[in-house]
Amino acid sequence: MKKFTQLALVSSLAISANAMAMQAMDDAALSASTGQDGINIGIGISKVEIGKIFIHDNDGLATDAKNVVSGTKVIVVTPAKPADPDTGTPAVPAVYGFADNEQVSSTAIAGGTGKAGAIVIQGNGKTGDINKDHGIVITANTQALLASHNLADLQIDSDAGTSAAGGAFINIAAQVSGLDISIGEIGVAASADSTTAIRRGASANYNAILSGLTLKTGQMSANVQLGAAPQGAMIKLNTTMIGGLEIQNLGILDNSTKLGSGDGLTAATRAAGEIHLDSIKVASAGSTNLNIKSSVSVIGKSSDTDKGYLRIVNEDEVGVDTYVRGIRLGSASAGSIGDVEIQGLRTYYSPSLGQYTAGSVLTVSGR
């Protein structure tokens, strides 16, 4: 869940950076924030609406696609054994290792056509809903505004740096107000044929996969360094989201059970099945707030096979508490089977074999 929080914050910063309505703040206010002269930008936007978003996969899923697990098979795990003085059997050292690129398992994936498809975020068409005609609507969380009442405040400084640390860089300190992010319906469809038009869109075979969700965040801050990055990553998150993170009205759809038009009015037009969660609240263990300590880096090409990727490393100091309210199976109006509470969930990753570090690593790359 922290990965989703980090991506939501990075997305909100990207939207802020491209916003057109900005408020200049005087140099005295800037100096109070950074201790020196520079540029201060206050982004005074109260609402952002996005009609539709399409993420096109131009080659689709291959007709002979397989789900392959490779290079992670343990060859031998043998504990060390001392020499046997009675039989003369020599000592046996501990042995372990991995078979690099060795295929462990392979399962064929059905249904691939090799044709372009698209993830679609669009309005849900529900009368009176904030997402009726817009895939994404972002408004300020009025209970978690910055003191400036801006969507975001940025303090920008240029620094000479040192040759030992990579040279000059721009430092951007960002503070973001709490946000209410409403997402309409998320689905998948066949991409339109054109790859050159500004409006390509999707053409047919649409299926909804999420009925929508709402994210409620608290105030957050991040530090961005462009050029050299003496802080160790392009983006550093070391902040507390006041009030934690809440996801509301999350619905996961199963279209394999839908019949006919799927309007749910008759047995012949049965609606798609849905797993609906009224609310998911996430906070640091034993707290009502969510601590975020992460580094976001863009890793460049290092070989013909490794073309680069985005990496998010999260440090988990105390774990998280999660409360899921209103679990409904079948539809959003079905009776709830109850609530689920998880206390002190922690994740670990292994920088090297046998080592466990609290936190997680998320990598995102193209193929």
Protein backbone atom coordinates (compact mmCIF):
# COMPACT_ATOMS: atom_id res chain seq x y z
CA MET A 1 0.00 0.00 0.00
CA LYS A 2 2.92 2.38 0.62
CA LYS A 3 3.96 1.84 -3.01
CA PHE A 4 0.57 3.16 -4.09
CA THR A 5 1.00 6.13 -1.75
CA GLN A 6 4.40 6.95 -3.26
CA LEU A 7 3.07 6.76 -6.81
CA ALA A 8 0.12 8.99 -5.87
CA LEU A 9 2.50 11.61 -4.45
CA VAL A 10 4.82 11.49 -7.47
CA SER A 11 1.76 11.84 -9.76
CA SER A 12 0.44 14.84 -7.81
CA LEU A 13 3.86 16.52 -8.03
CA ALA A 14 3.91 15.93 -11.80
CA ILE A 15 0.46 17.50 -12.16
CA SER A 16 1.57 20.42 -10.02
CA ALA A 17 4.73 20.98 -12.07
CA ASN A 18 2.72 21.26 -15.30
CA ALA A 19 -0.01 23.50 -13.90
CA MET A 20 -0.60 26.83 -15.62
CA ALA A 21 -2.02 28.87 -12.73
CA MET A 22 0.82 29.96 -10.44
CA GLN A 23 1.19 32.53 -7.69
CA ALA A 24 4.55 34.27 -7.25
CA MET A 25 5.63 34.76 -3.64
CA ASP A 26 7.91 37.55 -2.48
CA ASP A 27 11.61 37.03 -1.76
CA ALA A 28 11.17 37.55 1.97
CA ALA A 29 8.80 34.59 2.14
CA LEU A 30 11.26 32.51 0.12
CA SER A 31 14.19 33.38 2.35
CA ALA A 32 12.15 32.36 5.39
CA SER A 33 11.60 28.96 3.77
CA THR A 34 15.05 28.19 2.38
CA GLY A 35 17.37 30.56 4.18
CA GLN A 36 18.57 32.11 0.92
CA ASP A 37 17.41 33.73 -2.27
CA GLY A 38 15.93 31.65 -5.07
CA ILE A 39 12.58 31.09 -6.75
CA ASN A 40 9.37 30.31 -4.90
CA ILE A 41 6.26 29.12 -6.73
CA GLY A 42 2.82 28.67 -5.22
CA ILE A 43 0.47 26.62 -7.38
CA GLY A 44 -3.01 27.98 -6.72
CA ILE A 45 -5.31 25.41 -8.33
CA SER A 46 -8.47 24.29 -6.56
CA LYS A 47 -9.57 21.56 -8.99
CA VAL A 48 -8.13 19.42 -11.81
CA GLU A 49 -10.33 17.40 -14.19
CA ILE A 50 -9.11 14.83 -16.75
CA GLY A 51 -11.62 13.43 -19.25
CA LYS A 52 -9.93 10.17 -20.23
CA ILE A 53 -6.51 8.54 -20.00
CA PHE A 54 -5.30 5.79 -22.37
CA ILE A 55 -2.13 3.78 -21.79
CA HIS A 56 -1.44 1.93 -25.05
CA ASP A 57 0.46 -1.35 -25.27
CA ASN A 58 1.28 -1.32 -28.98
CA ASP A 59 2.17 -5.00 -29.40
CA GLY A 60 -0.40 -6.47 -27.00
CA LEU A 61 0.11 -9.97 -25.59
CA ALA A 62 1.98 -12.40 -27.85
CA THR A 63 -0.01 -15.36 -29.19
CA ASP A 64 2.60 -17.73 -27.73
CA ALA A 65 3.10 -15.80 -24.46
CA LYS A 66 4.27 -17.76 -21.43
CA ASN A 67 4.51 -17.03 -17.74
CA VAL A 68 8.14 -17.98 -17.08
CA VAL A 69 10.01 -18.10 -13.79
CA SER A 70 13.77 -18.23 -14.30
CA GLY A 71 17.04 -17.53 -12.58
CA THR A 72 15.66 -17.92 -9.05
CA LYS A 73 15.96 -21.68 -8.53
CA VAL A 74 18.01 -22.68 -5.47
CA ILE A 75 20.62 -25.24 -6.58
CA VAL A 76 21.85 -26.56 -3.25
CA VAL A 77 21.35 -25.64 0.37
CA THR A 78 23.73 -27.77 2.44
CA PRO A 79 24.69 -27.04 6.06
CA ALA A 80 28.36 -27.27 6.92
CA LYS A 81 29.45 -30.61 8.43
CA PRO A 82 32.61 -31.18 10.49
CA ALA A 83 35.04 -33.94 9.69
CA ASP A 84 34.28 -37.33 11.27
CA PRO A 85 37.40 -38.46 13.24
CA ASP A 86 36.19 -42.09 13.42
CA THR A 87 35.50 -42.68 9.70
CA GLY A 88 37.86 -40.09 8.26
CA THR A 89 35.03 -38.41 6.35
CA PRO A 90 36.28 -34.93 5.43
CA ALA A 91 34.50 -31.73 6.42
CA VAL A 92 31.77 -30.48 4.05
CA PRO A 93 31.42 -26.70 3.66
CA ALA A 94 28.01 -25.01 3.38
CA VAL A 95 26.93 -24.59 -0.25
CA TYR A 96 24.20 -22.41 -1.70
CA GLY A 97 23.51 -20.56 -4.89
CA PHE A 98 21.20 -19.74 -7.78
CA ALA A 99 21.09 -21.02 -11.34
CA ASP A 100 21.30 -17.80 -13.37
CA ASN A 101 18.77 -17.75 -16.22
CA GLU A 102 17.77 -21.35 -15.57
CA GLN A 103 14.08 -21.84 -16.33
CA VAL A 104 12.20 -23.05 -13.26
CA SER A 105 8.67 -23.15 -14.65
CA SER A 106 6.76 -22.13 -17.78
CA THR A 107 2.99 -21.85 -18.22
CA ALA A 108 1.27 -20.87 -21.48
CA ILE A 109 -1.00 -17.80 -21.29
CA ALA A 110 -4.24 -18.11 -23.27
CA GLY A 111 -5.91 -15.40 -25.33
CA GLY A 112 -3.04 -13.33 -26.70
CA THR A 113 -3.58 -11.77 -30.15
CA GLY A 114 -0.45 -9.61 -30.47
CA LYS A 115 -2.64 -6.59 -31.20
CA ALA A 116 -2.55 -3.25 -29.40
CA GLY A 117 -4.68 -2.83 -26.30
CA ALA A 118 -5.09 0.06 -23.87
CA ILE A 119 -5.75 0.60 -20.19
CA VAL A 120 -8.57 3.14 -20.06
CA ILE A 121 -9.49 5.53 -17.24
CA GLN A 122 -12.78 7.28 -17.97
CA GLY A 123 -15.97 8.61 -16.39
CA ASN A 124 -18.36 6.11 -14.85
CA GLY A 125 -21.53 7.63 -16.36
CA LYS A 126 -23.32 7.69 -12.98
CA THR A 127 -25.72 10.63 -12.68
CA GLY A 128 -24.69 13.00 -9.89
CA ASP A 129 -21.30 11.36 -9.37
CA ILE A 130 -18.17 13.55 -9.43
CA ASN A 131 -16.69 11.16 -12.02
CA LYS A 132 -19.74 11.02 -14.31
CA ASP A 133 -17.92 12.61 -17.26
CA HIS A 134 -14.30 12.66 -16.05
CA GLY A 135 -11.88 9.82 -15.46
CA ILE A 136 -9.93 11.70 -12.77
CA VAL A 137 -10.98 14.64 -10.59
CA ILE A 138 -8.50 16.11 -8.08
CA THR A 139 -9.62 18.59 -5.44
CA ALA A 140 -8.05 19.86 -2.24
CA ASN A 141 -8.71 18.00 0.99
CA THR A 142 -9.96 21.01 2.95
CA GLN A 143 -9.01 19.35 6.23
CA ALA A 144 -5.33 19.12 5.21
CA LEU A 145 -4.46 22.35 3.37
CA LEU A 146 -1.06 24.00 3.42
CA ALA A 147 -0.91 27.28 5.33
CA SER A 148 -0.77 29.08 1.96
CA HIS A 149 -3.96 27.27 0.83
CA ASN A 150 -2.13 26.41 -2.41
CA LEU A 151 -2.29 23.00 -4.03
CA ALA A 152 1.51 22.95 -3.76
CA ASP A 153 4.39 25.25 -2.80
CA LEU A 154 7.80 24.89 -4.44
CA GLN A 155 11.13 26.41 -3.38
CA ILE A 156 13.73 26.22 -6.17
CA ASP A 157 17.46 26.81 -5.67
CA SER A 158 20.44 26.30 -7.99
CA ASP A 159 23.70 25.15 -6.40
CA ALA A 160 27.26 24.82 -7.72
CA GLY A 161 27.76 21.47 -6.01
CA THR A 162 31.13 19.74 -5.90
CA SER A 163 32.95 17.64 -8.47
CA ALA A 164 33.12 14.80 -5.93
CA ALA A 165 29.32 14.78 -5.65
CA GLY A 166 28.66 15.01 -9.40
CA GLY A 167 28.63 18.76 -9.93
CA ALA A 168 25.89 21.39 -10.05
CA PHE A 169 22.24 20.70 -9.36
CA ILE A 170 18.80 22.25 -8.90
CA ASN A 171 17.05 21.59 -5.60
CA ILE A 172 13.24 21.70 -5.49
CA ALA A 173 11.61 21.47 -2.07
CA ALA A 174 7.91 20.68 -2.53
CA GLN A 175 5.00 20.73 -0.09
CA VAL A 176 1.64 19.38 -1.27
CA SER A 177 -1.77 19.98 0.31
CA GLY A 178 -3.92 17.01 1.18
CA LEU A 179 -5.84 15.85 -1.87
CA ASP A 180 -9.12 14.13 -2.71
CA ILE A 181 -8.41 12.11 -5.88
CA SER A 182 -11.52 10.59 -7.43
CA ILE A 183 -10.97 8.00 -10.17
CA GLY A 184 -13.91 6.94 -12.33
CA GLU A 185 -13.92 3.61 -14.12
CA ILE A 186 -10.76 1.74 -15.12
CA GLY A 187 -10.96 -0.78 -17.94
CA VAL A 188 -9.18 -2.26 -20.93
CA ALA A 189 -10.01 -2.00 -24.64
CA ALA A 190 -8.58 -2.48 -28.11
CA SER A 191 -6.45 0.51 -29.11
CA ALA A 192 -7.45 2.46 -32.22
CA ASP A 193 -5.20 1.76 -35.22
CA SER A 194 -3.65 5.21 -35.54
CA THR A 195 -0.39 5.80 -33.66
CA THR A 196 0.18 9.35 -34.93
CA ALA A 197 -3.03 11.19 -34.02
CA ILE A 198 -3.05 13.24 -30.81
CA ARG A 199 -6.41 11.65 -30.01
CA ARG A 200 -5.93 7.94 -30.71
CA GLY A 201 -8.31 6.46 -28.15
CA ALA A 202 -9.71 2.93 -28.03
CA SER A 203 -11.97 1.30 -30.58
CA ALA A 204 -13.75 -1.81 -29.28
CA ASN A 205 -13.86 -4.82 -26.93
CA TYR A 206 -14.04 -2.67 -23.78
CA ASN A 207 -14.21 -4.38 -20.38
CA ALA A 208 -14.26 -2.57 -17.03
CA ILE A 209 -11.85 -4.00 -14.45
CA LEU A 210 -12.26 -1.46 -11.60
CA SER A 211 -15.51 0.34 -10.86
CA GLY A 212 -13.52 3.27 -9.46
CA LEU A 213 -12.03 4.50 -6.22
CA THR A 214 -11.36 7.65 -4.20
CA LEU A 215 -8.03 8.49 -2.54
CA LYS A 216 -7.86 10.87 0.40
CA THR A 217 -4.37 12.04 1.35
CA GLY A 218 -2.95 14.35 4.01
CA GLN A 219 -0.23 16.99 3.65
CA MET A 220 3.01 15.65 2.17
CA SER A 221 6.46 16.94 1.28
CA ALA A 222 9.23 15.82 -1.06
CA ASN A 223 12.65 17.03 -2.18
CA VAL A 224 13.67 16.81 -5.85
CA GLN A 225 17.23 17.23 -7.16
CA LEU A 226 17.93 17.58 -10.90
CA GLY A 227 21.41 17.49 -12.40
CA ALA A 228 23.61 15.95 -9.74
CA ALA A 229 21.74 14.39 -6.81
CA PRO A 230 23.91 14.62 -3.68
CA GLN A 231 20.93 13.48 -1.61
CA GLY A 232 21.34 10.04 -3.27
CA ALA A 233 18.20 9.94 -5.45
CA MET A 234 16.23 12.20 -7.77
CA ILE A 235 13.27 12.37 -5.35
CA LYS A 236 13.46 11.93 -1.59
CA LEU A 237 10.29 11.47 0.44
CA ASN A 238 10.76 11.83 4.18
CA THR A 239 7.45 13.03 5.49
CA THR A 240 4.38 12.25 7.55
CA MET A 241 1.00 12.11 5.82
CA ILE A 242 -1.25 13.66 8.46
CA GLY A 243 -4.37 11.54 8.90
CA GLY A 244 -2.88 8.64 6.95
CA LEU A 245 -4.12 7.35 3.59
CA GLU A 246 -7.70 6.33 2.87
CA ILE A 247 -9.04 4.55 -0.21
CA GLN A 248 -12.82 4.54 -0.55
CA ASN A 249 -15.29 2.65 -2.77
CA LEU A 250 -12.81 0.34 -4.47
CA GLY A 251 -14.56 -2.16 -6.74
CA ILE A 252 -12.77 -5.01 -8.57
CA LEU A 253 -14.85 -6.44 -11.44
CA ASP A 254 -15.02 -9.99 -12.86
CA ASN A 255 -16.40 -9.74 -16.41
CA SER A 256 -16.22 -13.51 -16.95
CA THR A 257 -19.57 -13.80 -15.14
CA LYS A 258 -21.35 -11.01 -17.05
CA LEU A 259 -24.26 -11.96 -19.35
CA GLY A 260 -25.79 -9.95 -22.18
CA SER A 261 -25.68 -6.18 -21.65
CA GLY A 262 -24.62 -6.67 -18.03
CA ASP A 263 -27.11 -4.11 -16.66
CA GLY A 264 -28.08 -6.51 -13.85
CA LEU A 265 -31.83 -6.09 -14.33
CA THR A 266 -32.55 -9.70 -15.35
CA ALA A 267 -30.93 -13.13 -15.16
CA ALA A 268 -30.14 -12.87 -18.88
CA THR A 269 -28.33 -9.55 -18.40
CA ARG A 270 -26.46 -10.41 -15.21
CA ALA A 271 -23.95 -7.75 -14.15
CA ALA A 272 -20.24 -8.46 -13.79
CA GLY A 273 -19.31 -9.80 -10.38
CA GLU A 274 -17.66 -7.31 -8.04
CA ILE A 275 -15.49 -7.37 -4.95
CA HIS A 276 -16.32 -4.05 -3.30
CA LEU A 277 -14.43 -2.50 -0.39
CA ASP A 278 -16.09 0.46 1.31
CA SER A 279 -12.89 1.82 2.83
CA ILE A 280 -9.21 0.97 3.33
CA LYS A 281 -7.36 3.07 5.90
CA VAL A 282 -3.57 2.86 6.18
CA ALA A 283 -1.37 4.41 8.88
CA SER A 284 1.96 3.71 10.51
CA ALA A 285 1.74 1.05 13.21
CA GLY A 286 0.26 2.48 16.42
CA SER A 287 -0.45 5.89 14.83
CA THR A 288 -3.19 7.72 12.94
CA ASN A 289 -0.63 9.23 10.53
CA LEU A 290 1.42 7.54 7.80
CA ASN A 291 5.21 7.95 7.79
CA ILE A 292 6.77 7.88 4.32
CA LYS A 293 10.51 7.52 3.80
CA SER A 294 11.38 6.66 0.22
CA SER A 295 13.83 7.31 -2.59
CA VAL A 296 12.78 7.55 -6.24
CA SER A 297 15.51 7.06 -8.86
CA VAL A 298 15.54 6.69 -12.64
CA ILE A 299 18.19 4.08 -13.50
CA GLY A 300 19.80 4.50 -16.94
CA LYS A 301 20.87 1.95 -19.55
CA SER A 302 23.75 -0.30 -18.50
CA SER A 303 23.79 -2.92 -21.30
CA ASP A 304 21.97 -4.06 -24.43
CA THR A 305 19.66 -6.15 -22.26
CA ASP A 306 19.24 -3.69 -19.38
CA LYS A 307 17.71 -0.54 -20.91
CA GLY A 308 16.94 1.17 -17.58
CA TYR A 309 13.96 1.48 -15.24
CA LEU A 310 12.28 3.48 -12.46
CA ARG A 311 13.10 2.34 -8.93
CA ILE A 312 11.31 3.25 -5.68
CA VAL A 313 12.97 2.12 -2.46
CA ASN A 314 10.84 2.39 0.67
CA GLU A 315 12.26 2.26 4.19
CA ASP A 316 9.78 0.76 6.63
CA GLU A 317 10.72 1.72 10.19
CA VAL A 318 7.65 0.56 12.16
CA GLY A 319 5.29 -1.24 9.76
CA VAL A 320 1.71 -0.26 8.98
CA ASP A 321 -1.76 -0.81 10.38
CA THR A 322 -4.57 -1.38 7.87
CA TYR A 323 -8.34 -1.44 8.43
CA VAL A 324 -10.62 -2.65 5.63
CA ARG A 325 -14.29 -1.78 6.19
CA GLY A 326 -17.29 -3.18 4.35
CA ILE A 327 -16.14 -6.18 2.30
CA ARG A 328 -18.92 -6.99 -0.19
CA LEU A 329 -18.79 -9.98 -2.55
CA GLY A 330 -20.92 -9.99 -5.69
CA SER A 331 -21.87 -6.30 -5.94
CA ALA A 332 -21.55 -2.98 -4.14
CA SER A 333 -25.04 -3.48 -2.68
CA ALA A 334 -24.41 -6.99 -1.33
CA GLY A 335 -24.25 -7.50 2.42
CA SER A 336 -20.83 -7.04 3.96
CA ILE A 337 -19.07 -10.16 5.23
CA GLY A 338 -17.40 -8.01 7.89
CA ASP A 339 -14.26 -5.92 8.40
CA VAL A 340 -10.59 -6.94 8.36
CA GLU A 341 -7.94 -5.38 10.62
CA ILE A 342 -4.21 -5.93 10.09
CA GLN A 343 -1.78 -4.67 12.72
CA GLY A 344 1.95 -4.13 12.30
CA LEU A 345 2.41 -5.40 8.72
CA ARG A 346 6.07 -5.15 7.67
CA THR A 347 7.81 -6.07 4.43
CA TYR A 348 11.48 -6.80 3.77
CA TYR A 349 13.73 -6.95 0.73
CA SER A 350 17.13 -8.62 0.24
CA PRO A 351 19.96 -6.44 -1.17
CA SER A 352 22.05 -9.64 -1.09
CA LEU A 353 21.47 -13.32 -0.38
CA GLY A 354 20.61 -13.95 3.27
CA GLN A 355 20.23 -10.25 4.13
CA TYR A 356 16.84 -8.75 5.05
CA THR A 357 16.21 -4.99 5.07
CA ALA A 358 12.91 -3.56 6.30
CA GLY A 359 11.03 -1.93 3.45
CA SER A 360 10.38 -2.70 -0.20
CA VAL A 361 11.71 -2.09 -3.71
CA LEU A 362 9.43 -1.33 -6.66
CA THR A 363 10.85 -1.30 -10.21
CA VAL A 364 8.93 -0.23 -13.32
CA SER A 365 10.27 -0.71 -16.84
CA GLY A 366 9.13 -1.20 -20.42
CA ARG A 367 9.71 -4.34 -22.45
